PDB file of N, CA and C in Angstrom:
ATOM      1  N   ALA A   1      -8.161-150.514  12.341  1.00  0.00           N
ATOM      2  CA  ALA A   1      -7.607-151.748  11.808  1.00  0.00           C
ATOM      3  C   ALA A   1      -8.422-152.919  12.352  1.00  0.00           C
ATOM      4  N   ALA A   2      -8.450-153.977  11.597  1.00  0.00           N
ATOM      5  CA  ALA A   2      -9.147-155.197  11.999  1.00  0.00           C
ATOM      6  C   ALA A   2      -8.340-156.384  11.504  1.00  0.00           C
ATOM      7  N   LEU A   3      -8.478-157.514  12.175  1.00  0.00           N
ATOM      8  CA  LEU A   3      -7.724-158.711  11.856  1.00  0.00           C
ATOM      9  C   LEU A   3      -8.682-159.863  11.581  1.00  0.00           C
ATOM     10  N   ARG A   4      -8.304-160.720  10.624  1.00  0.00           N
ATOM     11  CA  ARG A   4      -9.090-161.915  10.322  1.00  0.00           C
ATOM     12  C   ARG A   4      -8.134-163.094  10.191  1.00  0.00           C
ATOM     13  N   VAL A   5      -8.481-164.209  10.818  1.00  0.00           N
ATOM     14  CA  VAL A   5      -7.686-165.434  10.742  1.00  0.00           C
ATOM     15  C   VAL A   5      -8.618-166.550  10.290  1.00  0.00           C
ATOM     16  N   ARG A   6      -8.162-167.329   9.293  1.00  0.00           N
ATOM     17  CA  ARG A   6      -9.003-168.390   8.741  1.00  0.00           C
ATOM     18  C   ARG A   6      -8.142-169.610   8.419  1.00  0.00           C
ATOM     19  N   TRP A   7      -8.637-170.805   8.725  1.00  0.00           N
ATOM     20  CA  TRP A   7      -7.953-172.064   8.432  1.00  0.00           C
ATOM     21  C   TRP A   7      -8.815-172.860   7.474  1.00  0.00           C
ATOM     22  N   VAL A   8      -8.298-173.147   6.273  1.00  0.00           N
ATOM     23  CA  VAL A   8      -9.040-173.930   5.284  1.00  0.00           C
ATOM     24  C   VAL A   8      -8.067-174.864   4.572  1.00  0.00           C
ATOM     25  N   ALA A   9      -8.359-176.155   4.613  1.00  0.00           N
ATOM     26  CA  ALA A   9      -7.617-177.175   3.862  1.00  0.00           C
ATOM     27  C   ALA A   9      -6.097-177.061   4.040  1.00  0.00           C
ATOM     28  N   GLY A  10      -5.643-176.902   5.280  1.00  0.00           N
ATOM     29  CA  GLY A  10      -4.211-176.863   5.548  1.00  0.00           C
ATOM     30  C   GLY A  10      -3.535-175.539   5.276  1.00  0.00           C
ATOM     31  N   VAL A  11      -4.326-174.491   5.046  1.00  0.00           N
ATOM     32  CA  VAL A  11      -3.756-173.160   4.804  1.00  0.00           C
ATOM     33  C   VAL A  11      -4.316-172.190   5.829  1.00  0.00           C
ATOM     34  N   LEU A  12      -3.409-171.518   6.533  1.00  0.00           N
ATOM     35  CA  LEU A  12      -3.793-170.475   7.479  1.00  0.00           C
ATOM     36  C   LEU A  12      -3.679-169.138   6.768  1.00  0.00           C
ATOM     37  N   ARG A  13      -4.790-168.419   6.648  1.00  0.00           N
ATOM     38  CA  ARG A  13      -4.774-167.080   6.043  1.00  0.00           C
ATOM     39  C   ARG A  13      -4.973-166.059   7.149  1.00  0.00           C
ATOM     40  N   ILE A  14      -4.056-165.111   7.214  1.00  0.00           N
ATOM     41  CA  ILE A  14      -4.125-164.013   8.165  1.00  0.00           C
ATOM     42  C   ILE A  14      -4.271-162.740   7.347  1.00  0.00           C
ATOM     43  N   GLY A  15      -5.268-161.949   7.683  1.00  0.00           N
ATOM     44  CA  GLY A  15      -5.499-160.717   6.945  1.00  0.00           C
ATOM     45  C   GLY A  15      -5.769-159.557   7.883  1.00  0.00           C
ATOM     46  N   ALA A  16      -5.448-158.361   7.426  1.00  0.00           N
ATOM     47  CA  ALA A  16      -5.688-157.160   8.222  1.00  0.00           C
ATOM     48  C   ALA A  16      -6.206-156.050   7.314  1.00  0.00           C
ATOM     49  N   TRP A  17      -7.176-155.306   7.833  1.00  0.00           N
ATOM     50  CA  TRP A  17      -7.699-154.130   7.151  1.00  0.00           C
ATOM     51  C   TRP A  17      -7.148-152.900   7.841  1.00  0.00           C
ATOM     52  N   ASP A  18      -6.943-151.832   7.068  1.00  0.00           N
ATOM     53  CA  ASP A  18      -6.668-150.528   7.665  1.00  0.00           C
ATOM     54  C   ASP A  18      -7.249-149.438   6.776  1.00  0.00           C
ATOM     55  N   ALA A  19      -7.242-148.207   7.240  1.00  0.00           N
ATOM     56  CA  ALA A  19      -7.893-147.104   6.541  1.00  0.00           C
ATOM     57  C   ALA A  19      -7.015-146.463   5.478  1.00  0.00           C
ATOM     58  N   ASP A  20      -5.752-146.776   5.434  1.00  0.00           N
ATOM     59  CA  ASP A  20      -4.842-146.190   4.445  1.00  0.00           C
ATOM     60  C   ASP A  20      -5.041-146.898   3.104  1.00  0.00           C
ATOM     61  N   PRO A  21      -5.449-146.180   2.052  1.00  0.00           N
ATOM     62  CA  PRO A  21      -5.686-146.831   0.770  1.00  0.00           C
ATOM     63  C   PRO A  21      -4.411-147.119  -0.022  1.00  0.00           C
ATOM     64  N   GLY A  22      -3.280-146.597   0.423  1.00  0.00           N
ATOM     65  CA  GLY A  22      -2.030-146.790  -0.312  1.00  0.00           C
ATOM     66  C   GLY A  22      -1.531-148.217  -0.245  1.00  0.00           C
ATOM     67  N   PRO A  23      -0.832-148.654  -1.294  1.00  0.00           N
ATOM     68  CA  PRO A  23      -0.318-150.020  -1.301  1.00  0.00           C
ATOM     69  C   PRO A  23       0.770-150.204  -0.254  1.00  0.00           C
ATOM     70  N   PRO A  24       0.891-151.402   0.294  1.00  0.00           N
ATOM     71  CA  PRO A  24       1.971-151.666   1.247  1.00  0.00           C
ATOM     72  C   PRO A  24       3.301-151.702   0.502  1.00  0.00           C
ATOM     73  N   GLU A  25       4.304-151.046   1.035  1.00  0.00           N
ATOM     74  CA  GLU A  25       5.612-151.005   0.388  1.00  0.00           C
ATOM     75  C   GLU A  25       6.702-151.253   1.417  1.00  0.00           C
ATOM     76  N   PRO A  26       7.036-152.527   1.656  1.00  0.00           N
ATOM     77  CA  PRO A  26       8.095-152.824   2.622  1.00  0.00           C
ATOM     78  C   PRO A  26       9.457-152.445   2.052  1.00  0.00           C
ATOM     79  N   PRO A  27      10.432-152.153   2.916  1.00  0.00           N
ATOM     80  CA  PRO A  27      11.787-151.885   2.435  1.00  0.00           C
ATOM     81  C   PRO A  27      12.303-153.074   1.640  1.00  0.00           C
ATOM     82  N   VAL A  28      13.085-152.801   0.611  1.00  0.00           N
ATOM     83  CA  VAL A  28      13.604-153.856  -0.245  1.00  0.00           C
ATOM     84  C   VAL A  28      14.822-154.526   0.384  1.00  0.00           C
ATOM     85  N   ALA A  29      15.738-153.731   0.925  1.00  0.00           N
ATOM     86  CA  ALA A  29      16.978-154.270   1.481  1.00  0.00           C
ATOM     87  C   ALA A  29      16.856-154.484   2.984  1.00  0.00           C
ATOM     88  N   CYS A  30      17.439-155.555   3.472  1.00  0.00           N
ATOM     89  CA  CYS A  30      17.411-155.850   4.905  1.00  0.00           C
ATOM     90  C   CYS A  30      18.086-154.749   5.708  1.00  0.00           C
ATOM     91  N   GLU A  31      19.115-154.122   5.142  1.00  0.00           N
ATOM     92  CA  GLU A  31      19.819-153.051   5.844  1.00  0.00           C
ATOM     93  C   GLU A  31      18.886-151.866   6.124  1.00  0.00           C
ATOM     94  N   ALA A  32      17.905-151.659   5.268  1.00  0.00           N
ATOM     95  CA  ALA A  32      16.982-150.535   5.428  1.00  0.00           C
ATOM     96  C   ALA A  32      16.011-150.755   6.585  1.00  0.00           C
ATOM     97  N   LEU A  33      15.849-151.982   7.037  1.00  0.00           N
ATOM     98  CA  LEU A  33      14.880-152.276   8.091  1.00  0.00           C
ATOM     99  C   LEU A  33      15.251-151.657   9.435  1.00  0.00           C
ATOM    100  N   ALA A  34      16.526-151.550   9.740  1.00  0.00           N
ATOM    101  CA  ALA A  34      16.956-151.034  11.046  1.00  0.00           C
ATOM    102  C   ALA A  34      16.470-149.614  11.280  1.00  0.00           C
ATOM    103  N   ASP A  35      16.451-148.790  10.251  1.00  0.00           N
ATOM    104  CA  ASP A  35      16.047-147.389  10.392  1.00  0.00           C
ATOM    105  C   ASP A  35      14.638-147.108   9.891  1.00  0.00           C
ATOM    106  N   ALA A  36      13.972-148.113   9.339  1.00  0.00           N
ATOM    107  CA  ALA A  36      12.636-147.903   8.780  1.00  0.00           C
ATOM    108  C   ALA A  36      11.621-147.644   9.891  1.00  0.00           C
ATOM    109  N   GLU A  37      10.712-146.706   9.635  1.00  0.00           N
ATOM    110  CA  GLU A  37       9.650-146.424  10.597  1.00  0.00           C
ATOM    111  C   GLU A  37       8.361-147.149  10.231  1.00  0.00           C
ATOM    112  N   GLU A  38       8.332-147.765   9.079  1.00  0.00           N
ATOM    113  CA  GLU A  38       7.173-148.550   8.667  1.00  0.00           C
ATOM    114  C   GLU A  38       7.635-149.640   7.709  1.00  0.00           C
ATOM    115  N   GLY A  39       6.793-150.655   7.515  1.00  0.00           N
ATOM    116  CA  GLY A  39       7.111-151.725   6.580  1.00  0.00           C
ATOM    117  C   GLY A  39       7.894-152.877   7.170  1.00  0.00           C
ATOM    118  N   ARG A  40       8.320-152.768   8.422  1.00  0.00           N
ATOM    119  CA  ARG A  40       9.112-153.852   9.012  1.00  0.00           C
ATOM    120  C   ARG A  40       8.274-155.108   9.190  1.00  0.00           C
ATOM    121  N   GLY A  41       7.036-154.963   9.609  1.00  0.00           N
ATOM    122  CA  GLY A  41       6.171-156.129   9.785  1.00  0.00           C
ATOM    123  C   GLY A  41       5.910-156.828   8.470  1.00  0.00           C
ATOM    124  N   LEU A  42       5.700-156.055   7.424  1.00  0.00           N
ATOM    125  CA  LEU A  42       5.440-156.653   6.122  1.00  0.00           C
ATOM    126  C   LEU A  42       6.686-157.345   5.579  1.00  0.00           C
ATOM    127  N   ALA A  43       7.863-156.848   5.905  1.00  0.00           N
ATOM    128  CA  ALA A  43       9.093-157.528   5.500  1.00  0.00           C
ATOM    129  C   ALA A  43       9.158-158.913   6.143  1.00  0.00           C
ATOM    130  N   LEU A  44       8.726-159.023   7.395  1.00  0.00           N
ATOM    131  CA  LEU A  44       8.683-160.325   8.062  1.00  0.00           C
ATOM    132  C   LEU A  44       7.651-161.239   7.412  1.00  0.00           C
ATOM    133  N   VAL A  45       6.506-160.672   7.068  1.00  0.00           N
ATOM    134  CA  VAL A  45       5.458-161.454   6.396  1.00  0.00           C
ATOM    135  C   VAL A  45       5.995-161.991   5.074  1.00  0.00           C
ATOM    136  N   ARG A  46       6.637-161.148   4.302  1.00  0.00           N
ATOM    137  CA  ARG A  46       7.187-161.573   3.013  1.00  0.00           C
ATOM    138  C   ARG A  46       8.198-162.697   3.189  1.00  0.00           C
ATOM    139  N   ALA A  47       8.997-162.625   4.253  1.00  0.00           N
ATOM    140  CA  ALA A  47      10.034-163.628   4.479  1.00  0.00           C
ATOM    141  C   ALA A  47       9.456-164.964   4.945  1.00  0.00           C
ATOM    142  N   CYS A  48       8.352-164.943   5.679  1.00  0.00           N
ATOM    143  CA  CYS A  48       7.812-166.165   6.289  1.00  0.00           C
ATOM    144  C   CYS A  48       6.632-166.780   5.546  1.00  0.00           C
ATOM    145  N   ALA A  49       5.877-165.990   4.832  1.00  0.00           N
ATOM    146  CA  ALA A  49       4.641-166.479   4.208  1.00  0.00           C
ATOM    147  C   ALA A  49       4.921-167.239   2.921  1.00  0.00           C
ATOM    148  N   ASP A  50       4.047-168.181   2.633  1.00  0.00           N
ATOM    149  CA  ASP A  50       4.115-168.888   1.363  1.00  0.00           C
ATOM    150  C   ASP A  50       3.569-168.025   0.229  1.00  0.00           C
ATOM    151  N   LEU A  51       2.633-167.156   0.565  1.00  0.00           N
ATOM    152  CA  LEU A  51       2.012-166.273  -0.417  1.00  0.00           C
ATOM    153  C   LEU A  51       1.445-165.085   0.333  1.00  0.00           C
ATOM    154  N   TRP A  52       1.499-163.899  -0.256  1.00  0.00           N
ATOM    155  CA  TRP A  52       0.879-162.735   0.374  1.00  0.00           C
ATOM    156  C   TRP A  52       0.395-161.802  -0.722  1.00  0.00           C
ATOM    157  N   GLY A  53      -0.481-160.894  -0.346  1.00  0.00           N
ATOM    158  CA  GLY A  53      -0.990-159.928  -1.307  1.00  0.00           C
ATOM    159  C   GLY A  53      -1.815-158.866  -0.611  1.00  0.00           C
ATOM    160  N   TRP A  54      -2.404-157.993  -1.416  1.00  0.00           N
ATOM    161  CA  TRP A  54      -3.242-156.937  -0.862  1.00  0.00           C
ATOM    162  C   TRP A  54      -4.255-156.528  -1.912  1.00  0.00           C
ATOM    163  N   GLN A  55      -5.308-155.864  -1.468  1.00  0.00           N
ATOM    164  CA  GLN A  55      -6.299-155.321  -2.390  1.00  0.00           C
ATOM    165  C   GLN A  55      -6.885-154.054  -1.797  1.00  0.00           C
ATOM    166  N   PRO A  56      -7.146-153.065  -2.640  1.00  0.00           N
ATOM    167  CA  PRO A  56      -7.787-151.836  -2.151  1.00  0.00           C
ATOM    168  C   PRO A  56      -9.247-152.111  -1.822  1.00  0.00           C
ATOM    169  N   LEU A  57      -9.784-151.356  -0.882  1.00  0.00           N
ATOM    170  CA  LEU A  57     -11.174-151.508  -0.477  1.00  0.00           C
ATOM    171  C   LEU A  57     -11.883-150.166  -0.529  1.00  0.00           C
ATOM    172  N   ALA A  58     -13.137-150.206  -0.801  1.00  0.00           N
ATOM    173  CA  ALA A  58     -13.996-149.022  -0.713  1.00  0.00           C
ATOM    174  C   ALA A  58     -15.346-149.490  -0.181  1.00  0.00           C
ATOM    175  N   ARG A  59     -15.785-148.881   0.914  1.00  0.00           N
ATOM    176  CA  ARG A  59     -17.053-149.280   1.517  1.00  0.00           C
ATOM    177  C   ARG A  59     -17.693-148.061   2.171  1.00  0.00           C
ATOM    178  N   ASP A  60     -18.925-147.784   1.840  1.00  0.00           N
ATOM    179  CA  ASP A  60     -19.670-146.668   2.419  1.00  0.00           C
ATOM    180  C   ASP A  60     -18.888-145.360   2.338  1.00  0.00           C
ATOM    181  N   GLY A  61     -18.180-145.150   1.237  1.00  0.00           N
ATOM    182  CA  GLY A  61     -17.420-143.921   1.047  1.00  0.00           C
ATOM    183  C   GLY A  61     -16.061-143.913   1.718  1.00  0.00           C
ATOM    184  N   ASN A  62     -15.748-144.948   2.496  1.00  0.00           N
ATOM    185  CA  ASN A  62     -14.440-145.033   3.148  1.00  0.00           C
ATOM    186  C   ASN A  62     -13.502-145.863   2.288  1.00  0.00           C
ATOM    187  N   ARG A  63     -12.251-145.467   2.273  1.00  0.00           N
ATOM    188  CA  ARG A  63     -11.260-146.217   1.508  1.00  0.00           C
ATOM    189  C   ARG A  63     -10.245-146.827   2.457  1.00  0.00           C
ATOM    190  N   GLY A  64      -9.640-147.894   2.020  1.00  0.00           N
ATOM    191  CA  GLY A  64      -8.636-148.572   2.819  1.00  0.00           C
ATOM    192  C   GLY A  64      -8.060-149.719   2.025  1.00  0.00           C
ATOM    193  N   LYS A  65      -7.449-150.671   2.726  1.00  0.00           N
ATOM    194  CA  LYS A  65      -6.894-151.834   2.043  1.00  0.00           C
ATOM    195  C   LYS A  65      -6.964-153.062   2.951  1.00  0.00           C
ATOM    196  N   TYR A  66      -6.853-154.219   2.316  1.00  0.00           N
ATOM    197  CA  TYR A  66      -6.812-155.496   3.014  1.00  0.00           C
ATOM    198  C   TYR A  66      -5.502-156.172   2.592  1.00  0.00           C
ATOM    199  N   VAL A  67      -4.657-156.488   3.565  1.00  0.00           N
ATOM    200  CA  VAL A  67      -3.384-157.156   3.323  1.00  0.00           C
ATOM    201  C   VAL A  67      -3.494-158.552   3.943  1.00  0.00           C
ATOM    202  N   TRP A  68      -3.071-159.572   3.204  1.00  0.00           N
ATOM    203  CA  TRP A  68      -3.227-160.942   3.694  1.00  0.00           C
ATOM    204  C   TRP A  68      -1.956-161.755   3.393  1.00  0.00           C
ATOM    205  N   CYS A  69      -1.812-162.849   4.137  1.00  0.00           N
ATOM    206  CA  CYS A  69      -0.741-163.805   3.840  1.00  0.00           C
ATOM    207  C   CYS A  69      -1.256-165.216   4.120  1.00  0.00           C
ATOM    208  N   ASP A  70      -0.714-166.184   3.386  1.00  0.00           N
ATOM    209  CA  ASP A  70      -1.053-167.588   3.567  1.00  0.00           C
ATOM    210  C   ASP A  70       0.162-168.327   4.110  1.00  0.00           C
ATOM    211  N   LEU A  71      -0.088-169.169   5.100  1.00  0.00           N
ATOM    212  CA  LEU A  71       0.927-170.059   5.665  1.00  0.00           C
ATOM    213  C   LEU A  71       0.420-171.484   5.457  1.00  0.00           C
ATOM    214  N   VAL A  72       1.136-172.279   4.698  1.00  0.00           N
ATOM    215  CA  VAL A  72       0.725-173.639   4.375  1.00  0.00           C
ATOM    216  C   VAL A  72       1.271-174.586   5.434  1.00  0.00           C
ATOM    217  N   ALA A  73       0.423-175.492   5.909  1.00  0.00           N
ATOM    218  CA  ALA A  73       0.848-176.476   6.912  1.00  0.00           C
ATOM    219  C   ALA A  73       1.904-177.388   6.309  1.00  0.00           C
ATOM    220  N   ALA A  74       2.924-177.660   7.093  1.00  0.00           N
ATOM    221  CA  ALA A  74       4.026-178.531   6.608  1.00  0.00           C
ATOM    222  C   ALA A  74       3.674-179.985   6.808  1.00  0.00           C
TER     223      ALA A  74
END
């Protein structure tokens, strides 16, 4: 995994790469978070970020994904 942080024109973009090519799928219901073994961090991102997304990656035969979120300065 790798992390990238960037500040441009009042927007903080935080992004992370990992080797899993599958799409991120956070739990839908808050009640599901207590027992979830994955997706809890992304649920927090969804709740706090102004915008978030992901894209699949392929580089040198390796597959993975990049997940990012934008936080706009108030």
